[in-house]
């Protein structure tokens, strides 16, 4: 389904599909087993300009819009969801907020190394007592002359073990309770440290770690947006980031569907291919219908975003539906594979493990429902 894509968007989609099939898919299992940051995949994406999507060329980017980024993320996730997760952290959650809310000086300084893949980006909001309730963050930023002093810690940060630049959200005590402010922090700053890499159920190639700030002195020139405007920046960034997770969900789901269809045409039981069994056919029908519905919701939300419309509800709907469909499709895929689907050398088990995270990060399914309900009842 092309969703009336332009010729340029179709060409980009085809290039991403070819790259993912040729370069990422053959290595996906090894990336998963290694449980290390997929650095070679990251370098390959940067070389093709994918880390610069939706950033104008004057800042080192590849141009294009958010829909273009969504198209690429879907194709990459189809081959390796971890690599898609890395790209989401690099672009949607780090590069894009700097482009949208940064000063001209900040854009000139930070965007070129991010878009070219010379530096790795991250986004840090989650804390021990502030998961879904981001207003409860405890990290503080106190003004000291031409700097801010940051203290606190952030949990589960994607790209955390390797990031060079991170968007950090902290509260300015003097402005409480509306003191949340965003900062661009360079991780070579004294006082910054990282915890051990987390071990996760899935997305093994997109590594996470705790980030700690102990009297980290950040220049005032690195403040992103005005004081007290961090919540607005965070929520808007998450709206866009959720489109990336929706695209990731569609990619994983499509991969699981494709594998299930192929397997059903090869596997025989009771003397006939299982694809001839109506129970299998109907499972495939439901899977395919959900993939298409999720894709359309995601493309629509991205298109509205590119038209400068507020898409909190649409982005939440896309992520909610796509992530829920993704896990359901992965489960059905395992069922179609039968015993082999449950084995660790089957691709289905990776789709299942990766799929579960899409319902949790960048806002759980429950949070998406809260966002949608708020919009409906406004």
Protein backbone atom coordinates (compact mmCIF):
# COMPACT_ATOMS: atom_id res chain seq x y z
CA UNK A 1 0.00 0.00 0.00
CA UNK A 2 1.63 3.28 -1.12
CA UNK A 3 -0.65 5.79 0.71
CA UNK A 4 -0.22 8.14 -2.27
CA UNK A 5 3.50 8.38 -1.68
CA UNK A 6 5.47 10.72 -3.92
CA UNK A 7 7.96 9.23 -6.37
CA UNK A 8 10.78 10.51 -4.17
CA UNK A 9 9.26 8.81 -1.11
CA UNK A 10 8.81 5.56 -3.04
CA UNK A 11 12.45 5.67 -4.13
CA UNK A 12 13.59 6.26 -0.56
CA UNK A 13 11.40 3.42 0.68
CA UNK A 14 12.81 1.09 -1.98
CA UNK A 15 16.39 2.08 -1.12
CA UNK A 16 15.77 1.46 2.57
CA UNK A 17 14.14 -1.91 1.80
CA UNK A 18 17.10 -2.99 -0.33
CA UNK A 19 19.61 -1.84 2.29
CA UNK A 20 17.76 -3.58 5.12
CA UNK A 21 17.42 -6.83 3.17
CA UNK A 22 21.02 -6.84 2.03
CA UNK A 23 22.93 -5.42 4.98
CA UNK A 24 20.80 -5.78 8.12
CA UNK A 25 18.71 -8.93 7.82
CA UNK A 26 21.66 -11.35 7.45
CA UNK A 27 23.18 -9.97 10.67
CA UNK A 28 20.01 -9.58 12.74
CA UNK A 29 20.38 -12.81 14.71
CA UNK A 30 24.04 -12.11 15.47
CA UNK A 31 23.20 -8.58 16.62
CA UNK A 32 20.52 -10.01 18.90
CA UNK A 33 22.83 -12.66 20.33
CA UNK A 34 25.74 -10.27 20.91
CA UNK A 35 23.68 -7.91 23.12
CA UNK A 36 25.98 -5.04 22.14
CA UNK A 37 25.30 -1.71 20.45
CA UNK A 38 24.96 -2.45 16.72
CA UNK A 39 27.74 -0.05 15.79
CA UNK A 40 28.36 -1.42 12.29
CA UNK A 41 24.68 -1.09 11.42
CA UNK A 42 24.73 2.45 12.79
CA UNK A 43 27.71 3.36 10.61
CA UNK A 44 26.01 1.90 7.54
CA UNK A 45 22.85 3.91 8.19
CA UNK A 46 24.90 7.08 8.62
CA UNK A 47 26.75 6.46 5.37
CA UNK A 48 23.42 6.31 3.52
CA UNK A 49 22.20 9.49 5.20
CA UNK A 50 19.46 7.85 7.24
CA UNK A 51 20.72 9.47 10.46
CA UNK A 52 20.15 12.85 8.82
CA UNK A 53 16.57 12.33 7.65
CA UNK A 54 14.07 15.11 8.39
CA UNK A 55 16.95 17.54 9.02
CA UNK A 56 17.71 20.16 6.32
CA UNK A 57 20.99 19.96 4.36
CA UNK A 58 22.20 23.28 5.80
CA UNK A 59 22.65 21.45 9.12
CA UNK A 60 24.26 18.41 7.56
CA UNK A 61 21.01 16.53 7.16
CA UNK A 62 19.52 14.58 4.28
CA UNK A 63 16.30 16.58 4.08
CA UNK A 64 12.94 14.92 3.73
CA UNK A 65 10.05 14.94 6.15
CA UNK A 66 8.78 12.88 9.06
CA UNK A 67 6.91 10.54 6.72
CA UNK A 68 10.20 9.83 4.97
CA UNK A 69 11.77 8.92 8.29
CA UNK A 70 8.80 6.67 9.13
CA UNK A 71 9.13 4.86 5.80
CA UNK A 72 12.80 4.15 6.44
CA UNK A 73 12.21 3.05 10.03
CA UNK A 74 9.57 0.56 8.96
CA UNK A 75 11.89 -1.08 6.43
CA UNK A 76 14.80 -1.21 8.89
CA UNK A 77 12.61 -2.67 11.65
CA UNK A 78 11.46 -5.38 9.26
CA UNK A 79 15.06 -6.59 9.12
CA UNK A 80 16.39 -5.59 12.55
CA UNK A 81 14.19 -3.86 15.14
CA UNK A 82 17.20 -3.00 17.32
CA UNK A 83 18.75 -0.95 14.52
CA UNK A 84 15.46 0.89 14.05
CA UNK A 85 15.43 1.65 17.78
CA UNK A 86 18.92 3.15 17.52
CA UNK A 87 17.79 5.34 14.63
CA UNK A 88 14.72 6.52 16.54
CA UNK A 89 16.90 7.59 19.47
CA UNK A 90 19.36 9.32 17.15
CA UNK A 91 16.89 11.21 14.99
CA UNK A 92 13.37 11.55 16.41
CA UNK A 93 14.48 11.92 20.03
CA UNK A 94 17.76 13.83 19.75
CA UNK A 95 18.40 15.45 16.37
CA UNK A 96 14.84 16.54 15.66
CA UNK A 97 14.19 18.37 18.97
CA UNK A 98 17.45 20.28 18.51
CA UNK A 99 16.30 21.23 15.00
CA UNK A 100 12.79 22.21 16.13
CA UNK A 101 13.60 24.00 19.39
CA UNK A 102 17.29 24.87 19.28
CA UNK A 103 18.93 28.19 18.60
CA UNK A 104 20.78 28.72 15.35
CA UNK A 105 24.05 28.32 17.25
CA UNK A 106 22.92 25.01 18.74
CA UNK A 107 21.80 23.69 15.35
CA UNK A 108 25.12 24.60 13.74
CA UNK A 109 27.10 23.02 16.56
CA UNK A 110 25.23 19.81 17.38
CA UNK A 111 23.29 18.75 14.28
CA UNK A 112 26.10 18.08 11.75
CA UNK A 113 27.89 15.47 13.89
CA UNK A 114 24.55 13.83 14.73
CA UNK A 115 23.22 13.76 11.19
CA UNK A 116 26.50 12.39 9.83
CA UNK A 117 26.70 9.72 12.52
CA UNK A 118 29.93 11.11 13.93
CA UNK A 119 28.25 11.37 17.32
CA UNK A 120 25.50 9.26 18.87
CA UNK A 121 22.43 10.88 20.38
CA UNK A 122 20.00 10.00 23.17
CA UNK A 123 16.97 11.35 25.04
CA UNK A 124 16.77 11.18 28.84
CA UNK A 125 13.53 11.70 30.75
CA UNK A 126 12.74 8.42 32.57
CA UNK A 127 13.68 8.10 36.26
CA UNK A 128 13.15 5.57 39.04
CA UNK A 129 10.02 7.36 40.26
CA UNK A 130 9.08 8.97 36.96
CA UNK A 131 8.19 6.46 34.27
CA UNK A 132 4.77 7.15 32.80
CA UNK A 133 4.43 10.17 35.14
CA UNK A 134 7.22 12.31 33.70
CA UNK A 135 6.12 15.31 35.78
CA UNK A 136 7.61 13.51 38.82
CA UNK A 137 11.26 13.76 37.70
CA UNK A 138 13.73 14.55 40.48
CA UNK A 139 16.78 15.59 38.44
CA UNK A 140 17.52 19.24 39.15
CA UNK A 141 19.21 22.10 37.32
CA UNK A 142 20.37 25.08 39.40
CA UNK A 143 21.54 28.26 37.71
CA UNK A 144 25.11 29.26 38.53
CA UNK A 145 26.28 32.27 36.54
CA UNK A 146 26.52 31.32 32.88
CA UNK A 147 25.87 27.65 33.64
CA UNK A 148 23.40 25.20 35.15
CA UNK A 149 24.45 22.52 37.60
CA UNK A 150 22.65 19.22 36.96
CA UNK A 151 22.18 16.53 39.59
CA UNK A 152 20.19 13.32 39.32
CA UNK A 153 19.94 10.17 37.26
CA UNK A 154 17.99 8.74 34.31
CA UNK A 155 17.03 5.10 33.71
CA UNK A 156 16.62 2.82 30.69
CA UNK A 157 18.15 5.31 28.24
CA UNK A 158 18.35 3.98 24.68
CA UNK A 159 21.85 4.49 23.22
CA UNK A 160 22.87 5.32 26.81
CA UNK A 161 26.05 3.21 26.93
CA UNK A 162 27.51 4.93 23.86
CA UNK A 163 25.82 8.35 23.48
CA UNK A 164 27.88 11.52 22.99
CA UNK A 165 25.01 14.01 23.08
CA UNK A 166 21.88 13.61 25.18
CA UNK A 167 18.75 15.72 25.62
CA UNK A 168 18.23 15.81 29.39
CA UNK A 169 15.15 17.05 31.23
CA UNK A 170 15.59 18.54 34.69
CA UNK A 171 13.60 20.70 37.09
CA UNK A 172 14.71 24.18 38.06
CA UNK A 173 13.74 24.31 41.77
CA UNK A 174 13.09 28.04 41.75
CA UNK A 175 10.38 27.56 39.12
CA UNK A 176 8.64 24.63 40.82
CA UNK A 177 6.16 23.14 40.11
CA UNK A 178 6.60 24.23 36.48
CA UNK A 179 10.35 24.14 36.26
CA UNK A 180 10.99 21.32 33.80
CA UNK A 181 13.63 22.47 31.36
CA UNK A 182 15.53 20.74 28.55
CA UNK A 183 19.32 20.74 28.17
CA UNK A 184 21.75 19.50 25.55
CA UNK A 185 24.42 17.66 27.51
CA UNK A 186 27.72 16.48 26.07
CA UNK A 187 28.69 13.27 27.81
CA UNK A 188 32.39 14.18 28.08
CA UNK A 189 31.38 16.81 30.65
CA UNK A 190 32.91 16.27 34.11
CA UNK A 191 30.45 14.73 36.57
CA UNK A 192 28.64 12.70 33.93
CA UNK A 193 28.80 8.91 34.30
CA UNK A 194 26.97 5.79 33.12
CA UNK A 195 25.73 2.73 34.91
CA UNK A 196 26.07 -0.79 33.60
CA UNK A 197 24.26 -1.76 30.44
CA UNK A 198 20.87 -3.30 31.14
CA UNK A 199 20.05 -6.83 30.07
CA UNK A 200 16.71 -6.85 28.27
CA UNK A 201 14.16 -9.31 26.96
CA UNK A 202 14.52 -8.00 23.42
CA UNK A 203 15.96 -5.20 21.27
CA UNK A 204 19.40 -6.45 22.27
CA UNK A 205 21.29 -4.42 19.67
CA UNK A 206 19.87 -1.12 20.96
CA UNK A 207 21.60 -0.91 24.30
CA UNK A 208 20.32 0.94 27.38
CA UNK A 209 21.98 2.27 30.52
CA UNK A 210 21.46 4.50 33.52
CA UNK A 211 22.89 8.02 33.09
CA UNK A 212 24.08 9.87 36.20
CA UNK A 213 24.69 13.57 36.74
CA UNK A 214 26.82 14.64 39.68
CA UNK A 215 27.31 18.42 39.63
CA UNK A 216 27.44 18.40 35.84
CA UNK A 217 28.05 21.97 34.70
CA UNK A 218 26.12 22.69 31.51
CA UNK A 219 26.59 26.05 29.74
CA UNK A 220 23.46 28.17 29.64
CA UNK A 221 23.95 28.26 25.89
CA UNK A 222 23.10 24.53 25.91
CA UNK A 223 19.65 25.06 27.37
CA UNK A 224 17.11 23.86 24.80
CA UNK A 225 14.21 26.30 24.71
CA UNK A 226 13.20 28.58 27.54
CA UNK A 227 13.28 27.81 31.24
CA UNK A 228 10.15 25.97 32.32
CA UNK A 229 9.25 24.90 28.78
CA UNK A 230 10.71 21.41 29.03
CA UNK A 231 7.38 19.64 29.45
CA UNK A 232 6.09 21.10 26.20
CA UNK A 233 9.27 20.09 24.36
CA UNK A 234 9.21 16.61 25.90
CA UNK A 235 5.59 15.88 25.01
CA UNK A 236 5.94 17.18 21.46
CA UNK A 237 9.09 15.12 20.98
CA UNK A 238 7.34 12.02 22.29
CA UNK A 239 4.48 12.62 19.84
CA UNK A 240 6.97 12.36 16.99
CA UNK A 241 8.92 9.56 18.65
CA UNK A 242 5.74 7.52 18.93
CA UNK A 243 5.42 7.63 15.15
CA UNK A 244 8.84 5.99 15.02
CA UNK A 245 7.74 3.24 17.40
CA UNK A 246 4.54 2.76 15.41
CA UNK A 247 6.64 2.37 12.26
CA UNK A 248 8.92 -0.03 14.10
CA UNK A 249 5.87 -2.06 15.16
CA UNK A 250 4.62 -2.21 11.57
CA UNK A 251 8.03 -3.40 10.40
CA UNK A 252 8.26 -6.18 12.99
CA UNK A 253 4.67 -7.23 12.29
CA UNK A 254 5.25 -7.33 8.53
CA UNK A 255 8.37 -9.44 9.01
CA UNK A 256 6.47 -11.91 11.21
CA UNK A 257 3.63 -12.07 8.68
CA UNK A 258 5.99 -12.63 5.74
CA UNK A 259 7.76 -15.46 7.57
CA UNK A 260 4.48 -17.06 8.59
CA UNK A 261 3.15 -17.00 5.02
CA UNK A 262 6.34 -18.53 3.65
CA UNK A 263 6.41 -21.23 6.32
CA UNK A 264 2.75 -22.11 5.76
CA UNK A 265 3.56 -22.81 2.10
CA UNK A 266 6.38 -25.17 3.02
CA UNK A 267 5.15 -27.05 6.10
CA UNK A 268 3.03 -30.17 5.61
CA UNK A 269 0.81 -31.80 8.18
CA UNK A 270 -1.70 -34.61 7.61
CA UNK A 271 -0.44 -34.89 4.04
CA UNK A 272 -1.11 -31.31 2.94
CA UNK A 273 0.43 -27.86 3.26
CA UNK A 274 -0.77 -26.06 6.35
CA UNK A 275 -1.58 -23.05 4.14
CA UNK A 276 -4.54 -25.10 2.91
CA UNK A 277 -5.91 -25.28 6.44
CA UNK A 278 -8.66 -22.70 6.93
CA UNK A 279 -7.62 -22.12 10.55
CA UNK A 280 -4.17 -21.05 9.31
CA UNK A 281 -5.63 -19.00 6.48
CA UNK A 282 -7.84 -17.03 8.83
CA UNK A 283 -4.93 -16.34 11.18
CA UNK A 284 -2.94 -14.98 8.23
CA UNK A 285 -5.92 -12.88 7.11
CA UNK A 286 -6.25 -11.30 10.55
CA UNK A 287 -2.51 -10.67 10.71
CA UNK A 288 -2.40 -9.05 7.27
CA UNK A 289 -5.44 -6.86 7.98
CA UNK A 290 -3.90 -5.59 11.20
CA UNK A 291 -0.59 -4.81 9.48
CA UNK A 292 -2.34 -2.71 6.84
CA UNK A 293 -4.50 -0.90 9.38
CA UNK A 294 -1.47 -0.12 11.54
CA UNK A 295 0.48 1.08 8.53
CA UNK A 296 -2.30 3.42 7.41
CA UNK A 297 -2.72 4.90 10.89
CA UNK A 298 1.03 5.49 11.09
CA UNK A 299 1.37 7.05 7.64
CA UNK A 300 -1.66 9.26 8.26
CA UNK A 301 -0.30 10.57 11.57
CA UNK A 302 3.11 11.25 10.00
CA UNK A 303 1.49 13.08 7.09
CA UNK A 304 -0.52 15.26 9.46
CA UNK A 305 2.65 16.01 11.42
CA UNK A 306 4.30 17.15 8.19
CA UNK A 307 1.35 19.50 7.64
CA UNK A 308 2.23 21.15 10.98
CA UNK A 309 -0.87 19.83 12.67
CA UNK A 310 -0.91 18.76 16.29
CA UNK A 311 -0.99 14.98 16.25
CA UNK A 312 -0.97 13.92 19.91
CA UNK A 313 -4.16 11.88 19.46
CA UNK A 314 -3.23 10.48 16.05
CA UNK A 315 0.31 9.56 17.12
CA UNK A 316 -1.05 7.87 20.25
CA UNK A 317 -3.61 5.95 18.17
CA UNK A 318 -0.94 4.84 15.71
CA UNK A 319 1.43 3.66 18.43
CA UNK A 320 -1.31 2.01 20.46
CA UNK A 321 -2.82 0.09 17.57
CA UNK A 322 0.46 -0.76 15.84
CA UNK A 323 2.19 -2.01 19.00
CA UNK A 324 -0.80 -4.07 20.15
CA UNK A 325 -1.17 -5.53 16.66
CA UNK A 326 2.56 -6.21 16.49
CA UNK A 327 2.59 -8.41 19.58
CA UNK A 328 -0.58 -10.21 18.52
CA UNK A 329 0.88 -10.91 15.09
CA UNK A 330 4.15 -12.16 16.60
CA UNK A 331 2.19 -14.53 18.86
CA UNK A 332 0.14 -15.83 15.93
CA UNK A 333 3.34 -16.24 13.94
CA UNK A 334 4.79 -18.47 16.64
CA UNK A 335 1.58 -20.50 16.67
CA UNK A 336 1.76 -21.04 12.91
CA UNK A 337 5.37 -22.18 13.23
CA UNK A 338 4.34 -24.55 16.01
CA UNK A 339 7.15 -26.11 18.04
CA UNK A 340 9.82 -24.64 15.79
CA UNK A 341 8.48 -21.14 16.47
CA UNK A 342 9.29 -21.63 20.15
CA UNK A 343 12.92 -22.56 19.48
CA UNK A 344 15.63 -19.95 19.90
CA UNK A 345 16.98 -20.57 16.39
CA UNK A 346 13.63 -19.48 14.94
CA UNK A 347 13.23 -15.84 13.87
CA UNK A 348 9.77 -15.82 15.46
CA UNK A 349 11.09 -15.76 19.00
CA UNK A 350 13.05 -12.55 18.23
CA UNK A 351 10.00 -10.87 16.73
CA UNK A 352 8.02 -11.81 19.84
CA UNK A 353 10.66 -10.47 22.25
CA UNK A 354 11.16 -7.27 20.28
CA UNK A 355 7.42 -6.73 19.84
CA UNK A 356 6.70 -6.58 23.55
CA UNK A 357 8.82 -3.48 24.08
CA UNK A 358 6.81 -1.50 21.54
CA UNK A 359 3.88 -1.57 23.98
CA UNK A 360 6.02 -0.11 26.76
CA UNK A 361 8.57 2.50 25.74
CA UNK A 362 7.85 6.08 24.68
CA UNK A 363 4.58 5.74 26.54
CA UNK A 364 2.89 2.50 27.49
CA UNK A 365 -0.33 1.40 25.82
CA UNK A 366 -2.14 2.61 28.93
CA UNK A 367 -0.60 6.08 28.56
CA UNK A 368 -1.63 6.16 24.88
CA UNK A 369 -5.20 5.42 25.93
CA UNK A 370 -5.04 8.29 28.43
CA UNK A 371 -3.82 10.66 25.70
CA UNK A 372 -6.56 9.54 23.31
CA UNK A 373 -9.29 9.75 25.98
CA UNK A 374 -8.20 13.25 26.93
CA UNK A 375 -8.48 14.36 23.30
CA UNK A 376 -11.86 12.72 22.81
CA UNK A 377 -13.33 14.26 25.95
CA UNK A 378 -11.82 17.74 25.60
